[in-house]
């Protein structure tokens, strides 16, 4: 995660996300650098529109609001519908974060 945070820091500062700049960040904070991770991240980020990924992540709610408790008589009928809704919401969240998974290499 620290490599992604460093890349986002460079992005927000308007600096180029490259190996040299990432190494400078870790040197400044006194942290060890895994060169393979840095190279992988730089090559992956070149393929991603960071602005678009951030906008999608911000638009995505952190967690769906809890549904109100159904009446006991309706519980049997609504239970499958609620499970389907939860599955659909989870699938949508997974799809939204697939773009972010590319950042993790």
C-alpha atoms as a PDB file:
ATOM      1  CA  UNK A   1       0.000   0.000   0.000  1.00  0.00           C
ATOM      2  CA  UNK A   2       2.838   2.389   0.750  1.00  0.00           C
ATOM      3  CA  UNK A   3       3.864   2.356  -2.909  1.00  0.00           C
ATOM      4  CA  UNK A   4       0.374   3.306  -4.021  1.00  0.00           C
ATOM      5  CA  UNK A   5       0.199   6.074  -1.431  1.00  0.00           C
ATOM      6  CA  UNK A   6       3.526   7.411  -2.653  1.00  0.00           C
ATOM      7  CA  UNK A   7       2.291   7.324  -6.258  1.00  0.00           C
ATOM      8  CA  UNK A   8      -0.885   9.174  -5.280  1.00  0.00           C
ATOM      9  CA  UNK A   9       1.194  11.733  -3.422  1.00  0.00           C
ATOM     10  CA  UNK A  10       3.239  12.337  -6.574  1.00  0.00           C
ATOM     11  CA  UNK A  11       0.045  12.547  -8.635  1.00  0.00           C
ATOM     12  CA  UNK A  12      -1.492  15.141  -6.302  1.00  0.00           C
ATOM     13  CA  UNK A  13       1.749  17.148  -6.349  1.00  0.00           C
ATOM     14  CA  UNK A  14       1.691  17.170 -10.140  1.00  0.00           C
ATOM     15  CA  UNK A  15       4.956  15.233 -10.342  1.00  0.00           C
ATOM     16  CA  UNK A  16       5.729  12.413 -12.736  1.00  0.00           C
ATOM     17  CA  UNK A  17       5.213   8.969 -11.259  1.00  0.00           C
ATOM     18  CA  UNK A  18       8.507   7.273 -11.998  1.00  0.00           C
ATOM     19  CA  UNK A  19      11.049   5.131 -10.174  1.00  0.00           C
ATOM     20  CA  UNK A  20      13.311   8.045  -9.338  1.00  0.00           C
ATOM     21  CA  UNK A  21      10.546  10.121  -7.711  1.00  0.00           C
ATOM     22  CA  UNK A  22       9.166   7.159  -5.785  1.00  0.00           C
ATOM     23  CA  UNK A  23      12.652   6.329  -4.500  1.00  0.00           C
ATOM     24  CA  UNK A  24      13.077   9.950  -3.381  1.00  0.00           C
ATOM     25  CA  UNK A  25       9.906   9.731  -1.298  1.00  0.00           C
ATOM     26  CA  UNK A  26      11.028   6.572   0.484  1.00  0.00           C
ATOM     27  CA  UNK A  27      14.530   7.917   0.993  1.00  0.00           C
ATOM     28  CA  UNK A  28      13.057  11.089   2.521  1.00  0.00           C
ATOM     29  CA  UNK A  29      11.080   9.093   5.076  1.00  0.00           C
ATOM     30  CA  UNK A  30      13.912   6.644   5.716  1.00  0.00           C
ATOM     31  CA  UNK A  31      12.037   3.584   4.454  1.00  0.00           C
ATOM     32  CA  UNK A  32      13.457   0.651   2.508  1.00  0.00           C
ATOM     33  CA  UNK A  33      12.444   0.307  -1.132  1.00  0.00           C
ATOM     34  CA  UNK A  34      11.614  -2.893  -2.955  1.00  0.00           C
ATOM     35  CA  UNK A  35      12.823  -2.063  -6.468  1.00  0.00           C
ATOM     36  CA  UNK A  36      10.686  -4.797  -8.033  1.00  0.00           C
ATOM     37  CA  UNK A  37       7.547  -3.329  -6.448  1.00  0.00           C
ATOM     38  CA  UNK A  38       8.466   0.164  -7.638  1.00  0.00           C
ATOM     39  CA  UNK A  39       9.083  -1.007 -11.217  1.00  0.00           C
ATOM     40  CA  UNK A  40       5.850  -2.987 -11.246  1.00  0.00           C
ATOM     41  CA  UNK A  41       3.856  -0.059  -9.918  1.00  0.00           C
ATOM     42  CA  UNK A  42       5.333   2.419 -12.397  1.00  0.00           C
ATOM     43  CA  UNK A  43       4.634   0.143 -15.367  1.00  0.00           C
ATOM     44  CA  UNK A  44       1.087  -0.528 -14.167  1.00  0.00           C
ATOM     45  CA  UNK A  45       0.252   3.101 -13.449  1.00  0.00           C
ATOM     46  CA  UNK A  46       1.243   4.127 -16.963  1.00  0.00           C
ATOM     47  CA  UNK A  47      -1.762   2.110 -18.184  1.00  0.00           C
ATOM     48  CA  UNK A  48      -4.247   3.720 -15.770  1.00  0.00           C
ATOM     49  CA  UNK A  49      -6.062   7.035 -15.812  1.00  0.00           C
ATOM     50  CA  UNK A  50      -5.612   7.927 -12.142  1.00  0.00           C
ATOM     51  CA  UNK A  51      -8.060  10.829 -12.258  1.00  0.00           C
ATOM     52  CA  UNK A  52     -10.814   8.532 -13.541  1.00  0.00           C
ATOM     53  CA  UNK A  53     -10.086   5.865 -10.910  1.00  0.00           C
ATOM     54  CA  UNK A  54     -10.208   8.450  -8.107  1.00  0.00           C
ATOM     55  CA  UNK A  55     -13.481   9.892  -9.386  1.00  0.00           C
ATOM     56  CA  UNK A  56     -15.058   6.432  -9.510  1.00  0.00           C
ATOM     57  CA  UNK A  57     -13.804   5.606  -6.029  1.00  0.00           C
ATOM     58  CA  UNK A  58     -15.202   8.849  -4.603  1.00  0.00           C
ATOM     59  CA  UNK A  59     -18.560   8.286  -6.287  1.00  0.00           C
ATOM     60  CA  UNK A  60     -18.756   4.791  -4.823  1.00  0.00           C
ATOM     61  CA  UNK A  61     -20.387   4.699  -1.374  1.00  0.00           C
ATOM     62  CA  UNK A  62     -18.308   3.019   1.304  1.00  0.00           C
ATOM     63  CA  UNK A  63     -21.110   0.702   2.379  1.00  0.00           C
ATOM     64  CA  UNK A  64     -24.761   0.385   1.438  1.00  0.00           C
ATOM     65  CA  UNK A  65     -27.252   1.713   3.951  1.00  0.00           C
ATOM     66  CA  UNK A  66     -28.822  -1.013   6.056  1.00  0.00           C
ATOM     67  CA  UNK A  67     -32.303  -1.997   4.958  1.00  0.00           C
ATOM     68  CA  UNK A  68     -35.139  -1.578   7.450  1.00  0.00           C
ATOM     69  CA  UNK A  69     -36.268  -4.740   9.190  1.00  0.00           C
ATOM     70  CA  UNK A  70     -39.169  -6.365   7.307  1.00  0.00           C
ATOM     71  CA  UNK A  71     -42.401  -7.296   8.996  1.00  0.00           C
ATOM     72  CA  UNK A  72     -42.398 -10.898  10.319  1.00  0.00           C
ATOM     73  CA  UNK A  73     -45.120 -12.082   7.888  1.00  0.00           C
ATOM     74  CA  UNK A  74     -43.211 -10.752   4.887  1.00  0.00           C
ATOM     75  CA  UNK A  75     -39.854 -12.065   6.055  1.00  0.00           C
ATOM     76  CA  UNK A  76     -40.098 -15.376   4.177  1.00  0.00           C
ATOM     77  CA  UNK A  77     -40.934 -13.732   0.852  1.00  0.00           C
ATOM     78  CA  UNK A  78     -38.471 -10.858   1.059  1.00  0.00           C
ATOM     79  CA  UNK A  79     -35.485 -12.813   2.273  1.00  0.00           C
ATOM     80  CA  UNK A  80     -34.496 -14.148  -1.192  1.00  0.00           C
ATOM     81  CA  UNK A  81     -34.968 -10.685  -2.703  1.00  0.00           C
ATOM     82  CA  UNK A  82     -32.718  -9.109  -0.079  1.00  0.00           C
ATOM     83  CA  UNK A  83     -30.053 -11.736  -0.668  1.00  0.00           C
ATOM     84  CA  UNK A  84     -30.187 -11.059  -4.402  1.00  0.00           C
ATOM     85  CA  UNK A  85     -29.906  -7.305  -3.802  1.00  0.00           C
ATOM     86  CA  UNK A  86     -26.916  -7.802  -1.517  1.00  0.00           C
ATOM     87  CA  UNK A  87     -25.216 -10.028  -4.090  1.00  0.00           C
ATOM     88  CA  UNK A  88     -25.852  -7.468  -6.839  1.00  0.00           C
ATOM     89  CA  UNK A  89     -24.475  -4.658  -4.686  1.00  0.00           C
ATOM     90  CA  UNK A  90     -21.378  -6.701  -3.855  1.00  0.00           C
ATOM     91  CA  UNK A  91     -20.831  -7.465  -7.531  1.00  0.00           C
ATOM     92  CA  UNK A  92     -21.129  -3.773  -8.403  1.00  0.00           C
ATOM     93  CA  UNK A  93     -18.590  -2.886  -5.715  1.00  0.00           C
ATOM     94  CA  UNK A  94     -16.218  -5.558  -6.989  1.00  0.00           C
ATOM     95  CA  UNK A  95     -16.507  -4.251 -10.548  1.00  0.00           C
ATOM     96  CA  UNK A  96     -15.814  -0.693  -9.414  1.00  0.00           C
ATOM     97  CA  UNK A  97     -12.694  -1.766  -7.571  1.00  0.00           C
ATOM     98  CA  UNK A  98     -11.350  -3.934 -10.398  1.00  0.00           C
ATOM     99  CA  UNK A  99      -9.715  -0.856 -11.868  1.00  0.00           C
ATOM    100  CA  UNK A 100      -8.025  -0.219  -8.557  1.00  0.00           C
ATOM    101  CA  UNK A 101      -6.720  -3.769  -8.361  1.00  0.00           C
ATOM    102  CA  UNK A 102      -4.445  -2.987 -11.284  1.00  0.00           C
ATOM    103  CA  UNK A 103      -2.632  -0.543  -9.038  1.00  0.00           C
ATOM    104  CA  UNK A 104      -1.663  -3.361  -6.686  1.00  0.00           C
ATOM    105  CA  UNK A 105       0.280  -5.232  -9.359  1.00  0.00           C
END
